[in-house]
C-alpha atoms as a PDB file:
ATOM      1  CA  MET A   1     122.668-162.602  60.239  1.00  0.00           C
ATOM      2  CA  GLY A   2     122.725-159.849  57.652  1.00  0.00           C
ATOM      3  CA  GLN A   3     120.383-156.896  57.401  1.00  0.00           C
ATOM      4  CA  LYS A   4     117.108-157.095  55.496  1.00  0.00           C
ATOM      5  CA  VAL A   5     117.768-157.430  51.775  1.00  0.00           C
ATOM      6  CA  THR A   6     115.827-154.811  49.851  1.00  0.00           C
ATOM      7  CA  THR A   7     114.930-154.616  46.185  1.00  0.00           C
ATOM      8  CA  SER A   8     117.389-151.726  45.884  1.00  0.00           C
ATOM      9  CA  ALA A   9     120.170-153.928  47.243  1.00  0.00           C
ATOM     10  CA  CYS A  10     119.261-156.621  44.720  1.00  0.00           C
ATOM     11  CA  LYS A  11     119.383-154.125  41.866  1.00  0.00           C
ATOM     12  CA  GLN A  12     122.795-152.974  43.077  1.00  0.00           C
ATOM     13  CA  ALA A  13     123.982-156.600  43.057  1.00  0.00           C
ATOM     14  CA  LEU A  14     122.706-156.992  39.492  1.00  0.00           C
ATOM     15  CA  LEU A  15     124.468-153.788  38.506  1.00  0.00           C
ATOM     16  CA  GLN A  16     127.726-155.219  39.821  1.00  0.00           C
ATOM     17  CA  SER A  17     127.073-158.536  38.054  1.00  0.00           C
ATOM     18  CA  TRP A  18     126.334-157.001  34.634  1.00  0.00           C
ATOM     19  CA  PRO A  19     127.976-159.389  32.132  1.00  0.00           C
ATOM     20  CA  GLN A  20     131.228-158.199  30.616  1.00  0.00           C
ATOM     21  CA  VAL A  21     130.091-159.483  27.230  1.00  0.00           C
ATOM     22  CA  PHE A  22     127.805-156.453  26.953  1.00  0.00           C
ATOM     23  CA  GLY A  23     130.820-154.177  27.315  1.00  0.00           C
ATOM     24  CA  ALA A  24     130.448-150.463  26.773  1.00  0.00           C
ATOM     25  CA  ASP A  25     127.579-151.021  24.321  1.00  0.00           C
ATOM     26  CA  LEU A  26     124.998-151.550  27.049  1.00  0.00           C
ATOM     27  CA  ALA A  27     126.583-150.022  30.137  1.00  0.00           C
ATOM     28  CA  ASP A  28     123.628-147.660  30.514  1.00  0.00           C
ATOM     29  CA  GLN A  29     121.225-150.626  30.747  1.00  0.00           C
ATOM     30  CA  ALA A  30     122.844-152.312  33.746  1.00  0.00           C
ATOM     31  CA  ALA A  31     120.510-150.855  36.392  1.00  0.00           C
ATOM     32  CA  LYS A  32     117.180-151.120  34.569  1.00  0.00           C
ATOM     33  CA  TRP A  33     115.478-153.993  36.378  1.00  0.00           C
ATOM     34  CA  LYS A  34     111.955-154.563  37.704  1.00  0.00           C
ATOM     35  CA  ARG A  35     111.224-157.152  40.364  1.00  0.00           C
ATOM     36  CA  ILE A  36     108.610-159.698  39.327  1.00  0.00           C
ATOM     37  CA  SER A  37     108.443-162.194  42.158  1.00  0.00           C
ATOM     38  CA  LYS A  38     109.829-163.225  45.515  1.00  0.00           C
ATOM     39  CA  SER A  39     109.679-166.725  46.978  1.00  0.00           C
ATOM     40  CA  GLY A  40     111.113-168.794  49.794  1.00  0.00           C
ATOM     41  CA  LYS A  41     110.193-169.570  53.367  1.00  0.00           C
ATOM     42  CA  LYS A  42     112.031-168.689  56.559  1.00  0.00           C
ATOM     43  CA  GLY A  43     115.153-170.776  56.831  1.00  0.00           C
ATOM     44  CA  GLU A  44     115.236-171.366  53.052  1.00  0.00           C
ATOM     45  CA  PRO A  45     116.971-169.394  50.290  1.00  0.00           C
ATOM     46  CA  ILE A  46     114.921-166.380  49.219  1.00  0.00           C
ATOM     47  CA  GLU A  47     114.715-166.025  45.443  1.00  0.00           C
ATOM     48  CA  ARG A  48     113.771-162.823  43.673  1.00  0.00           C
ATOM     49  CA  VAL A  49     113.161-162.751  39.927  1.00  0.00           C
ATOM     50  CA  PHE A  50     113.695-159.591  37.899  1.00  0.00           C
ATOM     51  CA  TYR A  51     112.907-158.703  34.286  1.00  0.00           C
ATOM     52  CA  HIS A  52     114.899-156.109  32.411  1.00  0.00           C
ATOM     53  CA  GLN A  53     112.877-153.068  31.479  1.00  0.00           C
ATOM     54  CA  SER A  54     113.895-152.926  27.817  1.00  0.00           C
ATOM     55  CA  LEU A  55     116.055-155.947  26.912  1.00  0.00           C
ATOM     56  CA  PRO A  56     115.098-159.665  26.625  1.00  0.00           C
ATOM     57  CA  LEU A  57     116.879-160.487  29.878  1.00  0.00           C
ATOM     58  CA  GLN A  58     115.829-161.930  33.210  1.00  0.00           C
ATOM     59  CA  ALA A  59     117.690-162.256  36.478  1.00  0.00           C
ATOM     60  CA  MET A  60     117.509-164.105  39.767  1.00  0.00           C
ATOM     61  CA  VAL A  61     118.934-162.877  43.054  1.00  0.00           C
ATOM     62  CA  ILE A  62     119.328-165.478  45.804  1.00  0.00           C
ATOM     63  CA  GLU A  63     119.452-164.476  49.457  1.00  0.00           C
ATOM     64  CA  ASN A  64     120.578-166.722  52.308  1.00  0.00           C
ATOM     65  CA  ASP A  65     120.191-165.605  55.930  1.00  0.00           C
ATOM     66  CA  GLY A  66     119.886-161.961  54.981  1.00  0.00           C
ATOM     67  CA  VAL A  67     122.866-161.969  52.603  1.00  0.00           C
ATOM     68  CA  ILE A  68     122.822-161.959  48.798  1.00  0.00           C
ATOM     69  CA  THR A  69     124.808-165.048  47.837  1.00  0.00           C
ATOM     70  CA  LYS A  70     124.192-165.432  44.111  1.00  0.00           C
ATOM     71  CA  THR A  71     122.972-163.511  41.082  1.00  0.00           C
ATOM     72  CA  VAL A  72     122.098-165.044  37.720  1.00  0.00           C
ATOM     73  CA  ILE A  73     121.511-163.002  34.563  1.00  0.00           C
ATOM     74  CA  ARG A  74     120.373-164.855  31.450  1.00  0.00           C
ATOM     75  CA  GLY A  75     118.338-164.302  28.339  1.00  0.00           C
ATOM     76  CA  PHE A  76     114.570-164.531  28.243  1.00  0.00           C
ATOM     77  CA  ALA A  77     113.120-166.480  25.316  1.00  0.00           C
ATOM     78  CA  SER A  78     109.575-167.570  24.572  1.00  0.00           C
ATOM     79  CA  PHE A  79     110.189-171.006  26.111  1.00  0.00           C
ATOM     80  CA  ASP A  80     110.625-169.316  29.498  1.00  0.00           C
ATOM     81  CA  ALA A  81     106.868-168.740  29.803  1.00  0.00           C
ATOM     82  CA  ASP A  82     103.939-171.150  29.933  1.00  0.00           C
ATOM     83  CA  GLU A  83     101.490-170.259  27.156  1.00  0.00           C
ATOM     84  CA  GLU A  84      98.508-171.312  29.247  1.00  0.00           C
ATOM     85  CA  SER A  85      99.374-169.553  32.482  1.00  0.00           C
ATOM     86  CA  MET A  86     101.766-166.731  31.658  1.00  0.00           C
ATOM     87  CA  SER A  87     101.389-163.469  33.525  1.00  0.00           C
ATOM     88  CA  GLU A  88     101.105-160.083  31.858  1.00  0.00           C
ATOM     89  CA  ALA A  89     104.769-159.434  32.604  1.00  0.00           C
ATOM     90  CA  GLU A  90     105.760-162.741  31.002  1.00  0.00           C
ATOM     91  CA  ALA A  91     103.594-162.022  27.959  1.00  0.00           C
ATOM     92  CA  GLN A  92     105.378-158.700  27.495  1.00  0.00           C
ATOM     93  CA  MET A  93     108.738-160.438  27.718  1.00  0.00           C
ATOM     94  CA  VAL A  94     107.672-163.107  25.231  1.00  0.00           C
ATOM     95  CA  GLU A  95     106.658-160.396  22.796  1.00  0.00           C
ATOM     96  CA  ARG A  96     109.958-158.576  23.316  1.00  0.00           C
ATOM     97  CA  SER A  97     112.022-161.722  22.888  1.00  0.00           C
ATOM     98  CA  SER A  98     110.264-162.641  19.628  1.00  0.00           C
ATOM     99  CA  THR A  99     111.269-159.530  17.670  1.00  0.00           C
ATOM    100  CA  ASN A 100     113.967-159.194  15.031  1.00  0.00           C
ATOM    101  CA  ALA A 101     115.793-156.889  17.440  1.00  0.00           C
ATOM    102  CA  ALA A 102     115.899-159.700  20.013  1.00  0.00           C
ATOM    103  CA  PHE A 103     117.175-162.147  17.365  1.00  0.00           C
ATOM    104  CA  ASP A 104     120.014-159.728  16.579  1.00  0.00           C
ATOM    105  CA  PHE A 105     120.635-159.169  20.295  1.00  0.00           C
ATOM    106  CA  PHE A 106     120.981-162.873  21.081  1.00  0.00           C
ATOM    107  CA  SER A 107     123.084-163.439  17.982  1.00  0.00           C
ATOM    108  CA  LYS A 108     125.528-160.736  19.109  1.00  0.00           C
ATOM    109  CA  TYR A 109     125.642-161.330  22.863  1.00  0.00           C
ATOM    110  CA  HIS A 110     126.028-164.586  24.784  1.00  0.00           C
ATOM    111  CA  CYS A 111     122.933-164.535  27.000  1.00  0.00           C
ATOM    112  CA  PHE A 112     122.612-168.312  27.300  1.00  0.00           C
ATOM    113  CA  LYS A 113     125.176-170.947  28.239  1.00  0.00           C
ATOM    114  CA  PRO A 114     125.567-174.519  26.959  1.00  0.00           C
ATOM    115  CA  SER A 115     124.415-175.714  30.390  1.00  0.00           C
ATOM    116  CA  ASP A 116     121.080-174.007  29.688  1.00  0.00           C
ATOM    117  CA  PHE A 117     120.430-176.793  27.152  1.00  0.00           C
ATOM    118  CA  THR A 118     120.114-180.559  27.327  1.00  0.00           C
ATOM    119  CA  PHE A 119     120.728-182.843  24.382  1.00  0.00           C
ATOM    120  CA  GLN A 120     119.405-186.162  23.126  1.00  0.00           C
ATOM    121  CA  MET A 121     121.519-188.181  20.699  1.00  0.00           C
ATOM    122  CA  CYS A 122     120.153-190.269  17.870  1.00  0.00           C
ATOM    123  CA  THR A 123     120.711-194.011  18.032  1.00  0.00           C
ATOM    124  CA  GLU A 124     123.487-195.827  16.217  1.00  0.00           C
ATOM    125  CA  GLU A 125     120.854-197.326  13.922  1.00  0.00           C
ATOM    126  CA  GLU A 126     119.448-193.882  13.082  1.00  0.00           C
ATOM    127  CA  ALA A 127     122.953-192.540  12.481  1.00  0.00           C
ATOM    128  CA  LYS A 128     123.734-195.335  10.010  1.00  0.00           C
ATOM    129  CA  ARG A 129     120.525-194.591   8.120  1.00  0.00           C
ATOM    130  CA  ASP A 130     120.388-190.786   8.223  1.00  0.00           C
ATOM    131  CA  GLY A 131     123.749-189.566   9.512  1.00  0.00           C
ATOM    132  CA  THR A 132     124.430-188.474  13.098  1.00  0.00           C
ATOM    133  CA  TRP A 133     122.053-185.948  14.599  1.00  0.00           C
ATOM    134  CA  TYR A 134     120.942-184.753  18.007  1.00  0.00           C
ATOM    135  CA  LEU A 135     118.221-182.659  19.597  1.00  0.00           C
ATOM    136  CA  LEU A 136     118.803-179.639  21.835  1.00  0.00           C
ATOM    137  CA  PHE A 137     116.202-178.739  24.438  1.00  0.00           C
ATOM    138  CA  PRO A 138     116.320-175.389  26.244  1.00  0.00           C
ATOM    139  CA  THR A 139     115.816-175.381  29.985  1.00  0.00           C
ATOM    140  CA  SER A 140     113.504-172.997  31.809  1.00  0.00           C
ATOM    141  CA  ASP A 141     113.278-171.496  35.297  1.00  0.00           C
ATOM    142  CA  PHE A 142     116.936-170.440  35.168  1.00  0.00           C
ATOM    143  CA  GLY A 143     118.019-173.875  34.059  1.00  0.00           C
ATOM    144  CA  ARG A 144     116.224-175.745  36.827  1.00  0.00           C
ATOM    145  CA  GLY A 145     113.546-177.316  34.650  1.00  0.00           C
ATOM    146  CA  THR A 146     113.228-178.675  31.120  1.00  0.00           C
ATOM    147  CA  CYS A 147     110.762-177.657  28.455  1.00  0.00           C
ATOM    148  CA  SER A 148     109.810-178.843  24.997  1.00  0.00           C
ATOM    149  CA  TYR A 149     110.309-176.280  22.259  1.00  0.00           C
ATOM    150  CA  ASP A 150     109.778-176.472  18.505  1.00  0.00           C
ATOM    151  CA  GLY A 151     111.484-173.230  17.511  1.00  0.00           C
ATOM    152  CA  GLN A 152     114.929-172.311  16.229  1.00  0.00           C
ATOM    153  CA  VAL A 153     117.642-172.256  18.898  1.00  0.00           C
ATOM    154  CA  ASP A 154     121.004-172.082  17.116  1.00  0.00           C
ATOM    155  CA  TYR A 155     121.170-168.283  17.297  1.00  0.00           C
ATOM    156  CA  LEU A 156     121.021-168.526  21.092  1.00  0.00           C
ATOM    157  CA  ILE A 157     124.106-170.719  21.442  1.00  0.00           C
ATOM    158  CA  ALA A 158     125.896-170.574  18.076  1.00  0.00           C
ATOM    159  CA  ALA A 159     129.141-169.550  19.756  1.00  0.00           C
ATOM    160  CA  TYR A 160     129.207-172.770  21.791  1.00  0.00           C
ATOM    161  CA  LEU A 161     128.167-175.377  19.229  1.00  0.00           C
ATOM    162  CA  PRO A 162     130.754-178.000  18.283  1.00  0.00           C
ATOM    163  CA  GLU A 163     132.662-176.920  15.193  1.00  0.00           C
ATOM    164  CA  GLY A 164     130.943-177.946  11.987  1.00  0.00           C
ATOM    165  CA  ASP A 165     127.578-178.776  13.567  1.00  0.00           C
ATOM    166  CA  GLY A 166     124.468-176.983  12.342  1.00  0.00           C
ATOM    167  CA  GLU A 167     120.735-176.780  12.900  1.00  0.00           C
ATOM    168  CA  VAL A 168     118.901-178.538  10.071  1.00  0.00           C
ATOM    169  CA  THR A 169     115.382-178.155  11.468  1.00  0.00           C
ATOM    170  CA  GLU A 170     114.127-176.482  14.635  1.00  0.00           C
ATOM    171  CA  GLY A 171     116.104-177.935  17.536  1.00  0.00           C
ATOM    172  CA  THR A 172     117.662-180.712  15.428  1.00  0.00           C
ATOM    173  CA  PHE A 173     121.380-180.554  14.648  1.00  0.00           C
ATOM    174  CA  ALA A 174     123.505-182.557  12.231  1.00  0.00           C
ATOM    175  CA  THR A 175     127.157-183.460  12.743  1.00  0.00           C
ATOM    176  CA  GLU A 176     129.849-185.339  10.852  1.00  0.00           C
ATOM    177  CA  ARG A 177     130.980-187.059  14.074  1.00  0.00           C
ATOM    178  CA  SER A 178     129.986-190.529  15.191  1.00  0.00           C
ATOM    179  CA  VAL A 179     127.343-190.848  17.887  1.00  0.00           C
ATOM    180  CA  LEU A 180     129.925-191.421  20.629  1.00  0.00           C
ATOM    181  CA  GLU A 181     132.196-188.635  19.371  1.00  0.00           C
ATOM    182  CA  ALA A 182     129.282-186.204  19.083  1.00  0.00           C
ATOM    183  CA  LYS A 183     128.088-186.954  22.604  1.00  0.00           C
ATOM    184  CA  ALA A 184     131.578-186.502  24.037  1.00  0.00           C
ATOM    185  CA  GLU A 185     132.029-183.211  22.181  1.00  0.00           C
ATOM    186  CA  LEU A 186     128.693-181.835  23.377  1.00  0.00           C
ATOM    187  CA  VAL A 187     129.579-182.683  26.962  1.00  0.00           C
ATOM    188  CA  ARG A 188     133.004-181.099  26.508  1.00  0.00           C
ATOM    189  CA  CYS A 189     131.323-177.928  25.249  1.00  0.00           C
ATOM    190  CA  GLY A 190     129.156-177.802  28.356  1.00  0.00           C
ATOM    191  CA  PHE A 191     125.802-179.127  27.123  1.00  0.00           C
ATOM    192  CA  ILE A 192     124.013-181.576  29.440  1.00  0.00           C
ATOM    193  CA  ALA A 193     122.911-185.029  28.358  1.00  0.00           C
ATOM    194  CA  GLU A 194     119.163-185.284  28.852  1.00  0.00           C
ATOM    195  CA  SER A 195     119.594-188.439  30.941  1.00  0.00           C
ATOM    196  CA  ASP A 196     121.954-186.575  33.302  1.00  0.00           C
ATOM    197  CA  PHE A 197     119.749-183.524  33.850  1.00  0.00           C
ATOM    198  CA  VAL A 198     117.976-183.359  37.218  1.00  0.00           C
ATOM    199  CA  PRO A 199     115.280-180.654  37.235  1.00  0.00           C
ATOM    200  CA  THR A 200     114.904-178.786  40.500  1.00  0.00           C
ATOM    201  CA  SER A 201     112.219-176.347  39.429  1.00  0.00           C
ATOM    202  CA  ARG A 202     109.910-174.888  42.058  1.00  0.00           C
ATOM    203  CA  SER A 203     106.891-172.624  41.766  1.00  0.00           C
ATOM    204  CA  ARG A 204     107.264-168.998  42.736  1.00  0.00           C
ATOM    205  CA  ASP A 205     104.762-166.732  44.443  1.00  0.00           C
ATOM    206  CA  GLY A 206     104.370-163.133  43.480  1.00  0.00           C
ATOM    207  CA  GLY A 207     105.127-160.317  45.880  1.00  0.00           C
ATOM    208  CA  GLU A 208     105.182-156.585  46.254  1.00  0.00           C
ATOM    209  CA  ASP A 209     108.417-154.629  46.193  1.00  0.00           C
ATOM    210  CA  ASP A 210     110.099-153.895  49.508  1.00  0.00           C
END
């Protein structure tokens, strides 16, 4: 049994987990986190969610039996908040993530992974008529739930898209590959077929800092 995990300990873990992709450019931003929520019952993993104080980033720190066992740092985009029930903190993050500065930030740094997106392929019949295309859907809740989104997403994962593929309308991508080839390539790149995605989202309660 480890000692009580404090917010300070979580911030130290996030400091040590600061993604290398940010390099020296953002080294001074590694410790600037604010805790937003804490959830989990005794005997279960304790999850703490943090928002960065100036960048469109969010983080989760997972504690098991008094020991920090996992940290996740990923981008925060507008699809990470529910329009009808978002908190003030989420609204501020949505506003931050919708700026031109955020667009440039996500275009430069890899804050999302292919596994943060599911895909849905067109049918063979649709491909014969219109050419092969597929839809990409971002996940939410640190990849544990799906969400519908009608905005542009290519700038979030351009570095991971199959070569030659491009976004033709919001969330819809065209490819020169056949349906089977396109699906295989997306899986190889790390994207998750929508039929294979199992959401494990859970609600989180708010909490005061330790």
